[in-house]
Amino acid sequence: MGTTLRRCRWMANARNDHDHCAFCWDKFAEYNGCLQEGYCTEAGNNWICEACFNDFRERFGWRVKSCSSAP
């Protein structure tokens, strides 16, 4: 509740080559057909797709800020 999320482009890192939306499990990755942009927690460990963000934004009271790259 009330978490600040960042709107970012998803990027692979040393820990993983993909992530999933915390709600619908859609895949974030740098491959064609995968989500490549969405919302992440400030720590970058949870990602939310655009559709789920729009569905749950008000319920969870999320605040948003932009970023130039994923964590």
Protein backbone atom coordinates (compact mmCIF):
# COMPACT_ATOMS: atom_id res chain seq x y z
CA MET A 1 0.00 0.00 0.00
CA GLY A 2 1.27 3.45 -0.92
CA THR A 3 4.45 2.16 -2.55
CA THR A 4 6.36 4.34 -5.00
CA LEU A 5 6.89 2.60 -8.32
CA ARG A 6 9.20 3.63 -11.14
CA ARG A 7 8.16 3.50 -14.80
CA CYS A 8 11.19 1.95 -16.47
CA ARG A 9 12.48 -0.04 -19.38
CA TRP A 10 13.30 -3.58 -18.28
CA MET A 11 16.93 -4.60 -18.77
CA ALA A 12 18.73 -7.89 -18.13
CA ASN A 13 21.32 -7.88 -15.36
CA ALA A 14 23.83 -10.22 -13.72
CA ARG A 15 21.09 -11.81 -11.58
CA ASN A 16 18.54 -12.65 -14.26
CA ASP A 17 17.59 -12.52 -17.91
CA HIS A 18 13.87 -12.00 -17.29
CA ASP A 19 11.22 -11.07 -14.71
CA HIS A 20 7.48 -11.58 -14.44
CA CYS A 21 4.59 -9.27 -13.61
CA ALA A 22 3.81 -9.75 -9.91
CA PHE A 23 0.10 -10.06 -10.74
CA CYS A 24 -0.48 -11.77 -14.10
CA TRP A 25 2.96 -13.39 -14.55
CA ASP A 26 3.47 -11.87 -18.03
CA LYS A 27 7.16 -11.96 -18.92
CA PHE A 28 9.58 -9.00 -19.00
CA ALA A 29 12.68 -9.67 -21.12
CA GLU A 30 14.76 -8.21 -23.92
CA TYR A 31 13.29 -10.71 -26.41
CA ASN A 32 10.70 -9.93 -29.10
CA GLY A 33 7.19 -10.60 -27.85
CA CYS A 34 8.06 -9.98 -24.19
CA LEU A 35 7.22 -6.90 -22.16
CA GLN A 36 10.09 -4.44 -22.25
CA GLU A 37 8.70 -1.61 -20.15
CA GLY A 38 6.63 -1.46 -16.99
CA TYR A 39 6.59 -0.45 -13.35
CA CYS A 40 9.04 -1.66 -10.72
CA THR A 41 9.54 -1.18 -7.03
CA GLU A 42 12.35 1.16 -6.03
CA ALA A 43 14.56 -1.85 -5.22
CA GLY A 44 13.80 -3.22 -8.70
CA ASN A 45 12.84 -6.66 -7.42
CA ASN A 46 9.14 -6.58 -8.34
CA TRP A 47 7.73 -5.69 -11.76
CA ILE A 48 4.16 -4.85 -12.78
CA CYS A 49 2.86 -4.71 -16.34
CA GLU A 50 0.90 -1.73 -17.69
CA ALA A 51 -2.46 -3.55 -17.62
CA CYS A 52 -2.09 -4.72 -14.00
CA PHE A 53 -0.78 -1.32 -12.95
CA ASN A 54 -3.92 0.31 -14.38
CA ASP A 55 -6.14 -2.31 -12.73
CA PHE A 56 -4.60 -1.99 -9.25
CA ARG A 57 -3.16 1.53 -9.02
CA GLU A 58 -6.01 3.06 -7.06
CA ARG A 59 -6.60 0.02 -4.84
CA PHE A 60 -2.97 0.00 -3.67
CA GLY A 61 -2.42 3.78 -3.74
CA TRP A 62 0.74 3.54 -5.84
CA ARG A 63 2.77 6.66 -6.58
CA VAL A 64 4.88 6.81 -9.75
CA LYS A 65 8.14 8.39 -10.77
CA SER A 66 10.12 7.92 -13.99
CA CYS A 67 13.56 6.53 -14.46
CA SER A 68 15.90 6.32 -17.42
CA SER A 69 16.80 2.65 -16.91
CA ALA A 70 15.93 -0.40 -14.87
CA PRO A 71 17.83 -1.11 -11.66
